[in-house]
């Protein structure tokens, strides 16, 4: 009985501890959804899909022509980072290498996505408009 009580208290304590840098974690809900370089790109014009949008989900970042998937996010000083397998539109198998990607929610509510080059900044779309 005491062992169960101690195990229950230990589990409760582990669930309430804050996530520390380098530890695998889920993305905050505020980062999930559809993003675009500006608000006008959130809306399709006359049935044409705007290819500038990005969809962020729990384990992937989907662009119009590629999907960065299989990401196990870790909280780092610069944001949430992970390694992704990349599948390009129109190509066969995904690339075997996993490449780094970092997401950071900026104080103004914009999302910064860095894939090794200059970061790109996006605004959140009001609805989850499809990327493709």
C-alpha atoms as a PDB file:
ATOM      1  CA  UNK A   1       0.000   0.000   0.000  1.00  0.00           C
ATOM      2  CA  UNK A   2       2.768   2.450   0.909  1.00  0.00           C
ATOM      3  CA  UNK A   3       4.690   1.498  -2.255  1.00  0.00           C
ATOM      4  CA  UNK A   4       1.639   2.370  -4.377  1.00  0.00           C
ATOM      5  CA  UNK A   5       1.234   5.671  -2.565  1.00  0.00           C
ATOM      6  CA  UNK A   6       4.911   6.557  -3.085  1.00  0.00           C
ATOM      7  CA  UNK A   7       4.704   5.543  -6.761  1.00  0.00           C
ATOM      8  CA  UNK A   8       1.562   7.656  -7.216  1.00  0.00           C
ATOM      9  CA  UNK A   9       3.179  10.700  -5.596  1.00  0.00           C
ATOM     10  CA  UNK A  10       6.321  10.243  -7.747  1.00  0.00           C
ATOM     11  CA  UNK A  11       4.202  10.034 -10.917  1.00  0.00           C
ATOM     12  CA  UNK A  12       2.224  13.132  -9.971  1.00  0.00           C
ATOM     13  CA  UNK A  13       5.453  15.026  -9.268  1.00  0.00           C
ATOM     14  CA  UNK A  14       6.918  13.986 -12.625  1.00  0.00           C
ATOM     15  CA  UNK A  15       3.802  15.158 -14.473  1.00  0.00           C
ATOM     16  CA  UNK A  16       3.879  18.592 -12.866  1.00  0.00           C
ATOM     17  CA  UNK A  17       7.577  19.323 -13.428  1.00  0.00           C
ATOM     18  CA  UNK A  18       8.326  21.985 -16.042  1.00  0.00           C
ATOM     19  CA  UNK A  19      10.010  20.960 -19.279  1.00  0.00           C
ATOM     20  CA  UNK A  20      13.709  21.738 -19.259  1.00  0.00           C
ATOM     21  CA  UNK A  21      15.928  22.567 -22.232  1.00  0.00           C
ATOM     22  CA  UNK A  22      16.887  19.556 -24.332  1.00  0.00           C
ATOM     23  CA  UNK A  23      13.993  17.443 -23.094  1.00  0.00           C
ATOM     24  CA  UNK A  24      11.559  15.970 -25.645  1.00  0.00           C
ATOM     25  CA  UNK A  25       8.201  17.726 -25.485  1.00  0.00           C
ATOM     26  CA  UNK A  26       5.049  18.602 -27.420  1.00  0.00           C
ATOM     27  CA  UNK A  27       4.680  21.885 -29.251  1.00  0.00           C
ATOM     28  CA  UNK A  28       2.458  24.443 -27.534  1.00  0.00           C
ATOM     29  CA  UNK A  29      -1.056  24.664 -29.005  1.00  0.00           C
ATOM     30  CA  UNK A  30      -0.327  28.258 -30.063  1.00  0.00           C
ATOM     31  CA  UNK A  31       2.202  26.921 -32.615  1.00  0.00           C
ATOM     32  CA  UNK A  32      -0.153  24.399 -34.209  1.00  0.00           C
ATOM     33  CA  UNK A  33      -2.239  25.274 -37.244  1.00  0.00           C
ATOM     34  CA  UNK A  34      -1.842  27.047 -40.569  1.00  0.00           C
ATOM     35  CA  UNK A  35       0.596  29.933 -40.991  1.00  0.00           C
ATOM     36  CA  UNK A  36       1.389  32.290 -43.891  1.00  0.00           C
ATOM     37  CA  UNK A  37       3.954  35.009 -44.673  1.00  0.00           C
ATOM     38  CA  UNK A  38       1.148  37.597 -44.399  1.00  0.00           C
ATOM     39  CA  UNK A  39      -2.594  37.647 -43.736  1.00  0.00           C
ATOM     40  CA  UNK A  40      -3.494  37.893 -47.434  1.00  0.00           C
ATOM     41  CA  UNK A  41      -1.817  34.516 -48.072  1.00  0.00           C
ATOM     42  CA  UNK A  42      -4.251  32.877 -45.637  1.00  0.00           C
ATOM     43  CA  UNK A  43      -7.061  33.214 -48.184  1.00  0.00           C
ATOM     44  CA  UNK A  44      -7.303  31.391 -51.513  1.00  0.00           C
ATOM     45  CA  UNK A  45      -8.241  33.590 -54.449  1.00  0.00           C
ATOM     46  CA  UNK A  46     -10.798  32.212 -56.923  1.00  0.00           C
ATOM     47  CA  UNK A  47     -10.117  28.570 -56.124  1.00  0.00           C
ATOM     48  CA  UNK A  48      -6.331  28.844 -56.384  1.00  0.00           C
ATOM     49  CA  UNK A  49      -4.382  27.443 -53.453  1.00  0.00           C
ATOM     50  CA  UNK A  50      -1.769  29.850 -52.160  1.00  0.00           C
ATOM     51  CA  UNK A  51       1.511  27.903 -52.025  1.00  0.00           C
ATOM     52  CA  UNK A  52       3.092  30.144 -49.378  1.00  0.00           C
ATOM     53  CA  UNK A  53       1.256  28.604 -46.399  1.00  0.00           C
ATOM     54  CA  UNK A  54       2.714  26.231 -43.826  1.00  0.00           C
ATOM     55  CA  UNK A  55       0.801  23.736 -41.653  1.00  0.00           C
ATOM     56  CA  UNK A  56       2.351  22.888 -38.285  1.00  0.00           C
ATOM     57  CA  UNK A  57       1.174  19.734 -36.502  1.00  0.00           C
ATOM     58  CA  UNK A  58       2.430  17.788 -33.505  1.00  0.00           C
ATOM     59  CA  UNK A  59       5.208  16.006 -35.441  1.00  0.00           C
ATOM     60  CA  UNK A  60       5.445  17.665 -38.858  1.00  0.00           C
ATOM     61  CA  UNK A  61       5.734  20.917 -40.782  1.00  0.00           C
ATOM     62  CA  UNK A  62       3.998  20.783 -44.164  1.00  0.00           C
ATOM     63  CA  UNK A  63       4.745  23.152 -47.014  1.00  0.00           C
ATOM     64  CA  UNK A  64       3.071  23.184 -50.450  1.00  0.00           C
ATOM     65  CA  UNK A  65       5.882  21.146 -52.046  1.00  0.00           C
ATOM     66  CA  UNK A  66       7.438  19.330 -49.088  1.00  0.00           C
ATOM     67  CA  UNK A  67       6.690  17.735 -45.748  1.00  0.00           C
ATOM     68  CA  UNK A  68       9.143  17.781 -42.841  1.00  0.00           C
ATOM     69  CA  UNK A  69       7.943  14.811 -40.765  1.00  0.00           C
ATOM     70  CA  UNK A  70       8.809  12.496 -37.904  1.00  0.00           C
ATOM     71  CA  UNK A  71       9.927  15.349 -35.691  1.00  0.00           C
ATOM     72  CA  UNK A  72      10.500  14.700 -31.984  1.00  0.00           C
ATOM     73  CA  UNK A  73      10.546  18.256 -30.632  1.00  0.00           C
ATOM     74  CA  UNK A  74      12.969  19.347 -27.939  1.00  0.00           C
ATOM     75  CA  UNK A  75      12.790  22.635 -26.080  1.00  0.00           C
ATOM     76  CA  UNK A  76      16.003  24.599 -26.643  1.00  0.00           C
ATOM     77  CA  UNK A  77      17.035  28.153 -25.776  1.00  0.00           C
ATOM     78  CA  UNK A  78      16.255  29.257 -29.353  1.00  0.00           C
ATOM     79  CA  UNK A  79      12.856  27.521 -29.529  1.00  0.00           C
ATOM     80  CA  UNK A  80      11.574  24.042 -30.302  1.00  0.00           C
ATOM     81  CA  UNK A  81      14.037  22.036 -32.389  1.00  0.00           C
ATOM     82  CA  UNK A  82      14.049  18.625 -33.975  1.00  0.00           C
ATOM     83  CA  UNK A  83      15.284  16.545 -36.866  1.00  0.00           C
ATOM     84  CA  UNK A  84      12.914  15.936 -39.754  1.00  0.00           C
ATOM     85  CA  UNK A  85      12.726  13.545 -42.659  1.00  0.00           C
ATOM     86  CA  UNK A  86      11.903  15.475 -45.816  1.00  0.00           C
ATOM     87  CA  UNK A  87       9.540  14.305 -48.543  1.00  0.00           C
ATOM     88  CA  UNK A  88       9.494  16.498 -51.647  1.00  0.00           C
ATOM     89  CA  UNK A  89       6.365  16.723 -53.803  1.00  0.00           C
ATOM     90  CA  UNK A  90       6.669  14.618 -56.946  1.00  0.00           C
ATOM     91  CA  UNK A  91       9.664  12.617 -55.756  1.00  0.00           C
ATOM     92  CA  UNK A  92       9.702   8.982 -54.661  1.00  0.00           C
ATOM     93  CA  UNK A  93      11.064   8.017 -51.283  1.00  0.00           C
ATOM     94  CA  UNK A  94      11.879  10.652 -48.655  1.00  0.00           C
ATOM     95  CA  UNK A  95      15.478  11.726 -48.268  1.00  0.00           C
ATOM     96  CA  UNK A  96      17.328   9.379 -45.902  1.00  0.00           C
ATOM     97  CA  UNK A  97      18.998  12.164 -43.952  1.00  0.00           C
ATOM     98  CA  UNK A  98      17.198  13.975 -41.192  1.00  0.00           C
ATOM     99  CA  UNK A  99      17.655  17.744 -41.266  1.00  0.00           C
ATOM    100  CA  UNK A 100      17.286  20.247 -38.409  1.00  0.00           C
ATOM    101  CA  UNK A 101      14.298  22.557 -38.052  1.00  0.00           C
ATOM    102  CA  UNK A 102      13.526  25.070 -35.294  1.00  0.00           C
ATOM    103  CA  UNK A 103      10.238  26.804 -34.453  1.00  0.00           C
ATOM    104  CA  UNK A 104      10.017  29.846 -32.210  1.00  0.00           C
ATOM    105  CA  UNK A 105       6.896  31.752 -31.201  1.00  0.00           C
ATOM    106  CA  UNK A 106       7.772  35.449 -31.199  1.00  0.00           C
ATOM    107  CA  UNK A 107       6.395  37.912 -28.621  1.00  0.00           C
ATOM    108  CA  UNK A 108       4.075  39.447 -31.261  1.00  0.00           C
ATOM    109  CA  UNK A 109       2.470  36.018 -31.920  1.00  0.00           C
ATOM    110  CA  UNK A 110       4.307  35.385 -35.206  1.00  0.00           C
ATOM    111  CA  UNK A 111       6.033  32.061 -35.826  1.00  0.00           C
ATOM    112  CA  UNK A 112       9.675  31.931 -36.862  1.00  0.00           C
ATOM    113  CA  UNK A 113      10.775  28.807 -38.746  1.00  0.00           C
ATOM    114  CA  UNK A 114      14.464  28.148 -39.260  1.00  0.00           C
ATOM    115  CA  UNK A 115      15.705  25.318 -41.471  1.00  0.00           C
ATOM    116  CA  UNK A 116      19.424  26.003 -41.410  1.00  0.00           C
ATOM    117  CA  UNK A 117      19.308  29.238 -43.406  1.00  0.00           C
ATOM    118  CA  UNK A 118      17.728  32.573 -42.688  1.00  0.00           C
ATOM    119  CA  UNK A 119      14.602  32.199 -40.551  1.00  0.00           C
ATOM    120  CA  UNK A 120      11.196  32.788 -42.130  1.00  0.00           C
ATOM    121  CA  UNK A 121       8.454  34.568 -40.176  1.00  0.00           C
ATOM    122  CA  UNK A 122       4.762  33.693 -40.493  1.00  0.00           C
ATOM    123  CA  UNK A 123       1.417  34.976 -39.187  1.00  0.00           C
ATOM    124  CA  UNK A 124      -1.253  32.565 -37.990  1.00  0.00           C
ATOM    125  CA  UNK A 125      -4.228  32.086 -40.290  1.00  0.00           C
ATOM    126  CA  UNK A 126      -7.658  32.452 -38.680  1.00  0.00           C
ATOM    127  CA  UNK A 127      -8.695  29.020 -39.931  1.00  0.00           C
ATOM    128  CA  UNK A 128      -6.797  25.871 -40.885  1.00  0.00           C
ATOM    129  CA  UNK A 129      -6.825  26.549 -44.612  1.00  0.00           C
ATOM    130  CA  UNK A 130      -5.255  23.601 -46.463  1.00  0.00           C
ATOM    131  CA  UNK A 131      -1.646  23.951 -47.568  1.00  0.00           C
ATOM    132  CA  UNK A 132      -2.209  21.907 -50.744  1.00  0.00           C
END
